[in-house]
Protein backbone atom coordinates (compact mmCIF):
# COMPACT_ATOMS: atom_id res chain seq x y z
CA MET A 1 16.76 -3.34 -13.77
CA TRP A 2 19.47 -3.04 -11.11
CA THR A 3 20.54 0.33 -12.53
CA TYR A 4 17.00 1.56 -12.01
CA LEU A 5 16.82 0.11 -8.47
CA TRP A 6 20.13 1.68 -7.40
CA ALA A 7 19.00 5.04 -8.75
CA LEU A 8 15.68 4.67 -6.91
CA ALA A 9 17.51 3.79 -3.67
CA MET A 10 19.67 6.91 -3.95
CA LEU A 11 16.59 9.03 -4.67
CA ILE A 12 14.78 7.68 -1.58
CA ILE A 13 17.80 8.39 0.64
CA ILE A 14 18.28 11.92 -0.78
CA VAL A 15 14.59 12.83 -0.38
CA LYS A 16 14.61 11.43 3.17
CA GLU A 17 17.59 13.58 4.12
CA ILE A 18 16.04 16.67 2.50
CA PHE A 19 12.81 16.29 4.50
CA LYS A 20 14.86 15.86 7.68
CA LYS A 21 16.43 19.26 7.04
CA ILE A 22 13.12 21.01 6.36
CA LYS A 23 11.61 22.61 9.47
CA PHE A 24 8.00 23.66 9.17
CA GLU A 25 7.76 26.77 11.33
CA THR A 26 4.62 28.83 11.88
CA ARG A 27 6.31 32.05 10.76
CA LYS A 28 6.78 30.62 7.26
CA THR A 29 3.05 30.24 6.67
CA ASN A 30 3.12 32.20 3.39
CA LEU A 31 5.69 29.81 1.93
CA HIS A 32 3.59 26.81 2.96
CA ILE A 33 0.47 28.31 1.36
CA PHE A 34 2.45 28.94 -1.83
CA LEU A 35 3.71 25.34 -1.90
CA VAL A 36 0.20 23.93 -1.35
CA ALA A 37 -1.24 26.17 -4.07
CA PHE A 38 1.53 25.17 -6.46
CA LEU A 39 0.97 21.45 -5.84
CA CYS A 40 -2.81 21.78 -6.27
CA THR A 41 -2.36 23.70 -9.52
CA THR A 42 0.08 21.10 -10.81
CA PHE A 43 -2.33 18.31 -9.91
CA ILE A 44 -5.29 19.96 -11.67
CA PHE A 45 -3.21 20.72 -14.75
CA SER A 46 -1.91 17.14 -14.88
CA LEU A 47 -5.43 15.74 -14.50
CA PHE A 48 -6.80 17.74 -17.44
CA TYR A 49 -3.69 16.96 -19.47
CA PHE A 50 -4.27 13.26 -18.84
CA LEU A 51 -7.97 13.37 -19.71
CA TYR A 52 -7.36 15.37 -22.89
CA PHE A 53 -4.89 12.94 -24.40
CA ILE A 54 -6.40 9.69 -23.09
CA PHE A 55 -9.81 10.41 -24.56
CA ASN A 56 -8.44 12.22 -27.61
CA ASN A 57 -10.53 15.33 -27.09
CA ASN A 58 -13.81 13.34 -27.07
CA LEU A 59 -14.77 13.85 -23.44
CA GLU A 60 -18.31 15.00 -24.18
CA GLU A 61 -19.09 11.85 -26.14
CA VAL A 62 -17.49 9.46 -23.67
CA PHE A 63 -19.17 10.87 -20.56
CA SER A 64 -22.58 11.59 -22.07
CA ILE A 65 -25.56 9.69 -20.68
CA ASN A 66 -26.64 8.53 -24.14
CA TYR A 67 -23.23 7.01 -24.83
CA PHE A 68 -23.26 5.18 -21.51
CA LEU A 69 -26.75 3.77 -22.05
CA LYS A 70 -26.20 2.75 -25.66
CA SER A 71 -22.83 1.04 -25.11
CA SER A 72 -22.94 -2.67 -24.41
CA SER A 73 -21.02 -4.52 -21.72
CA ASP A 74 -19.56 -8.00 -22.03
CA LEU A 75 -19.26 -8.43 -18.26
CA VAL A 76 -20.98 -11.56 -16.97
CA PHE A 77 -22.20 -11.23 -13.39
CA PRO A 78 -20.83 -14.58 -12.04
CA GLU A 79 -17.40 -13.87 -13.52
CA PHE A 80 -17.50 -10.26 -12.38
CA LEU A 81 -18.46 -11.35 -8.85
CA LYS A 82 -15.54 -13.79 -8.89
CA LEU A 83 -13.16 -10.96 -9.79
CA ILE A 84 -14.52 -8.84 -6.92
CA ILE A 85 -13.99 -11.72 -4.47
CA GLU A 86 -10.44 -12.21 -5.78
CA THR A 87 -9.72 -8.51 -5.24
CA ILE A 88 -11.04 -8.67 -1.66
CA ILE A 89 -8.99 -11.82 -0.95
CA LEU A 90 -5.91 -10.11 -2.40
CA SER A 91 -6.45 -7.13 -0.07
CA LEU A 92 -6.94 -9.35 2.99
CA LEU A 93 -3.88 -11.51 2.31
CA SER A 94 -1.68 -8.47 1.62
CA THR A 95 -2.90 -6.78 4.79
CA GLY A 96 -2.23 -9.92 6.83
CA ILE A 97 1.35 -10.10 5.55
CA ALA A 98 1.92 -6.39 6.15
CA ILE A 99 0.64 -6.64 9.75
CA GLY A 100 1.94 -10.02 10.87
CA PHE A 101 5.33 -10.33 9.21
CA PRO A 102 7.23 -7.48 11.00
CA PRO A 103 6.42 -8.56 14.62
CA PHE A 104 7.13 -12.20 13.74
CA LEU A 105 10.50 -11.34 12.20
CA ILE A 106 11.56 -8.95 14.97
CA ALA A 107 10.56 -11.45 17.67
CA ILE A 108 12.78 -14.13 16.13
CA LEU A 109 15.71 -11.84 15.22
CA GLY A 110 15.54 -9.46 18.16
CA ASN A 111 19.28 -9.07 18.86
CA HIS A 112 21.49 -6.31 17.50
CA THR A 113 22.72 -8.25 14.47
CA GLY A 114 19.24 -9.51 13.71
CA LEU A 115 17.78 -6.01 13.76
CA ILE A 116 20.38 -4.89 11.22
CA PHE A 117 19.21 -7.70 8.94
CA VAL A 118 15.56 -6.77 9.54
CA ARG A 119 16.26 -3.11 8.73
CA LEU A 120 18.04 -4.10 5.53
CA LEU A 121 15.21 -6.42 4.51
CA ALA A 122 12.61 -3.75 5.26
CA PHE A 123 14.55 -1.19 3.22
CA LEU A 124 14.83 -3.54 0.24
CA SER A 125 11.12 -4.34 0.37
CA ARG A 126 10.31 -0.60 0.42
CA LEU A 127 12.84 0.10 -2.30
CA ILE A 128 11.34 -2.10 -5.01
CA PRO A 129 7.82 -0.93 -5.95
CA PRO A 130 5.19 -3.70 -6.19
CA PRO A 131 4.70 -3.31 -9.98
CA ILE A 132 8.45 -3.77 -10.60
CA LEU A 133 8.72 -6.68 -8.19
CA ILE A 134 5.72 -8.56 -9.56
CA LEU A 135 7.00 -8.07 -13.13
CA ALA A 136 10.32 -9.65 -12.10
CA LEU A 137 8.57 -12.54 -10.33
CA LEU A 138 6.26 -13.18 -13.29
CA THR A 139 9.28 -14.06 -15.45
CA PHE A 140 9.43 -17.46 -13.73
CA ASN A 141 5.98 -17.72 -12.07
CA ASN A 142 2.41 -17.93 -13.27
CA PRO A 143 -0.03 -15.13 -12.32
CA SER A 144 -1.85 -15.93 -9.09
CA ILE A 145 -3.47 -14.26 -6.10
CA SER A 146 -0.78 -15.61 -3.74
CA LEU A 147 2.02 -14.09 -5.83
CA ALA A 148 0.30 -10.70 -6.02
CA ALA A 149 -0.51 -10.78 -2.28
CA LEU A 150 3.08 -11.66 -1.40
CA THR A 151 4.42 -8.83 -3.54
CA LEU A 152 2.05 -6.19 -2.17
CA GLY A 153 2.23 -7.50 1.40
CA LEU A 154 6.03 -7.50 1.59
CA HIS A 155 6.25 -3.95 0.22
CA ASN A 156 3.87 -2.63 2.88
CA ALA A 157 5.49 -4.85 5.54
CA GLY A 158 8.70 -2.91 4.96
CA ILE A 159 6.85 0.31 5.82
CA THR A 160 5.11 -1.07 8.93
CA CYS A 161 8.36 -2.72 10.03
CA LYS A 162 10.20 0.61 9.91
CA LEU A 163 7.52 2.24 12.06
CA LEU A 164 7.46 -0.62 14.57
CA ILE A 165 11.24 -0.67 15.02
CA ALA A 166 11.33 3.12 15.53
CA ASN A 167 8.61 2.96 18.21
CA LEU A 168 10.22 0.01 19.98
CA GLU A 169 13.58 1.78 20.16
CA ASN A 170 12.00 4.85 21.80
CA GLN A 171 10.15 2.74 24.36
CA ASP A 172 11.13 2.11 27.98
CA LYS A 173 12.59 -1.40 28.32
CA LYS A 174 12.21 -1.84 32.08
CA ILE A 175 9.32 -4.33 31.82
CA TYR A 176 11.16 -6.31 29.15
CA ILE A 177 14.31 -6.54 31.29
CA ALA A 178 12.29 -7.55 34.36
CA ILE A 179 10.44 -10.34 32.53
CA LYS A 180 13.60 -11.61 30.89
CA SER A 181 15.45 -11.68 34.24
CA LEU A 182 12.84 -14.16 35.51
CA GLY A 183 14.05 -16.74 33.01
CA VAL A 184 11.31 -16.22 30.42
CA SER A 185 12.33 -16.89 26.81
CA LYS A 186 13.50 -14.01 24.65
CA GLU A 187 10.51 -14.19 22.29
CA THR A 188 7.95 -14.24 25.12
CA SER A 189 9.75 -11.42 26.95
CA TRP A 190 9.72 -9.31 23.80
CA LEU A 191 6.04 -10.04 23.22
CA LEU A 192 4.91 -9.21 26.77
CA GLY A 193 7.49 -6.57 27.69
CA LEU A 194 7.83 -4.54 24.50
CA PHE A 195 5.33 -5.33 21.77
CA SER A 196 2.28 -5.42 24.07
CA GLN A 197 2.78 -1.71 24.84
CA GLN A 198 2.97 -0.85 21.13
CA ALA A 199 0.25 -3.22 19.92
CA LYS A 200 -2.63 -0.71 19.89
CA SER A 201 -0.77 2.07 18.10
CA TYR A 202 0.78 -0.42 15.69
CA LEU A 203 -2.57 -1.97 14.79
CA ALA A 204 -4.14 1.48 14.45
CA TYR A 205 -1.50 2.47 11.92
CA CYS A 206 -1.89 -0.86 10.11
CA ALA A 207 -5.62 -0.19 9.84
CA TYR A 208 -4.76 3.08 8.12
CA ARG A 209 -2.21 1.27 5.94
CA SER A 210 -4.79 -1.27 4.83
CA ASP A 211 -6.73 1.55 3.15
CA ILE A 212 -3.68 2.16 0.97
CA ILE A 213 -3.28 -1.57 0.30
CA ILE A 214 -6.87 -1.78 -1.00
CA ARG A 215 -6.13 0.99 -3.49
CA GLU A 216 -2.82 -0.55 -4.53
CA THR A 217 -4.52 -3.81 -5.47
CA ALA A 218 -5.68 -2.08 -8.65
CA ILE A 219 -2.12 -1.55 -9.86
CA VAL A 220 -0.91 -4.98 -8.78
CA GLY A 221 -4.00 -6.58 -10.30
CA VAL A 222 -3.40 -4.92 -13.68
CA ILE A 223 0.19 -6.15 -13.86
CA GLY A 224 -0.34 -9.48 -12.12
CA SER A 225 -3.49 -10.34 -14.11
CA VAL A 226 -5.64 -11.04 -11.05
CA GLY A 227 -8.91 -9.65 -9.74
CA LEU A 228 -10.58 -6.56 -11.10
CA GLY A 229 -7.22 -5.24 -12.28
CA TRP A 230 -7.06 -7.91 -14.99
CA GLN A 231 -10.55 -7.03 -16.23
CA LEU A 232 -9.70 -3.32 -16.12
CA GLN A 233 -6.71 -3.91 -18.38
CA GLU A 234 -8.82 -5.93 -20.81
CA SER A 235 -11.57 -3.30 -20.90
CA LEU A 236 -9.12 -0.45 -21.43
CA SER A 237 -7.38 -2.27 -24.27
CA SER A 238 -10.72 -2.75 -26.04
CA PHE A 239 -11.94 0.80 -25.24
CA ALA A 240 -15.02 -0.58 -23.46
CA TRP A 241 -15.74 2.53 -21.41
CA LYS A 242 -18.92 1.20 -19.85
CA GLU A 243 -17.02 -1.78 -18.45
CA VAL A 244 -14.28 0.57 -17.21
CA THR A 245 -16.91 2.68 -15.44
CA ILE A 246 -18.46 -0.39 -13.78
CA ILE A 247 -15.04 -1.66 -12.65
CA LEU A 248 -14.10 1.74 -11.23
CA ILE A 249 -17.40 1.87 -9.34
CA ALA A 250 -16.67 -1.62 -7.93
CA TYR A 251 -13.17 -0.54 -6.88
CA SER A 252 -14.54 2.60 -5.26
CA SER A 253 -17.18 0.60 -3.38
CA ILE A 254 -14.56 -1.82 -2.03
CA ALA A 255 -12.35 1.10 -0.98
CA ILE A 256 -15.22 2.92 0.77
CA VAL A 257 -16.36 -0.21 2.65
CA GLY A 258 -12.77 -0.96 3.65
CA GLU A 259 -12.27 2.60 4.84
CA LEU A 260 -15.43 2.45 6.98
CA ILE A 261 -14.35 -0.86 8.56
CA ASN A 262 -10.82 0.42 9.20
CA GLY A 263 -12.25 3.61 10.71
CA LYS A 264 -14.23 1.53 13.21
CA ILE A 265 -11.11 -0.47 14.04
CA ARG A 266 -9.01 2.68 14.56
CA ASN A 267 -11.67 4.19 16.82
CA SER A 268 -11.79 1.03 18.94
CA LEU A 269 -8.01 1.07 19.34
CA THR A 270 -7.70 4.72 20.36
């Protein structure tokens, strides 16, 4: 596992340095169009490749209306509603951790040495993908919503923490120094002098990030055996395509509602 994580860390650093070197200039428009066309073609080819082998060349039968109407579903509405509520709770808890943990940690460890520790912790949380982390934690824990939320929340907290630290470093610190010189505590000075100026932009980005968290609950749910992800795994293993369709519709509905709510929040913050 550590061999994989070290290789992943090196890959992240290399890709980061490569993108720093790339300069997107307007005179290289033809190259950009070529890259976009290549990526779109690769995506379409991969999608058809996936569908062909997953459904074993029986796409017409699987997606026909008669097949969908004739197939039976073992989903019970009370249990299915419970799974939907678990998925929503998982998204809310993960979003709360991703939003609240970075400011809390930076406020407590705001000195130079503390920020180095925060950067290292944020990098490690971004380094380990949620599926890998939750698999490691499940070796000595039982599946639960709290475990899945902690895994997904900490991973996204590493991303929001990186953004918050970068914005705080580029910000003018005159108000912070003035408040601190009056004898106010370090945490209160940081909150009023630094974070208050970044709060709107930070929350706006976190609202965008929560859209991604809602979609990632599907992967974490499949591995962590919670919410709709658990039922999706069971339905796929038994080839119950009607149940899979219903679950995907439920996931899409949750994602659309979450995106609409987050859009309202972003508009109110800008």
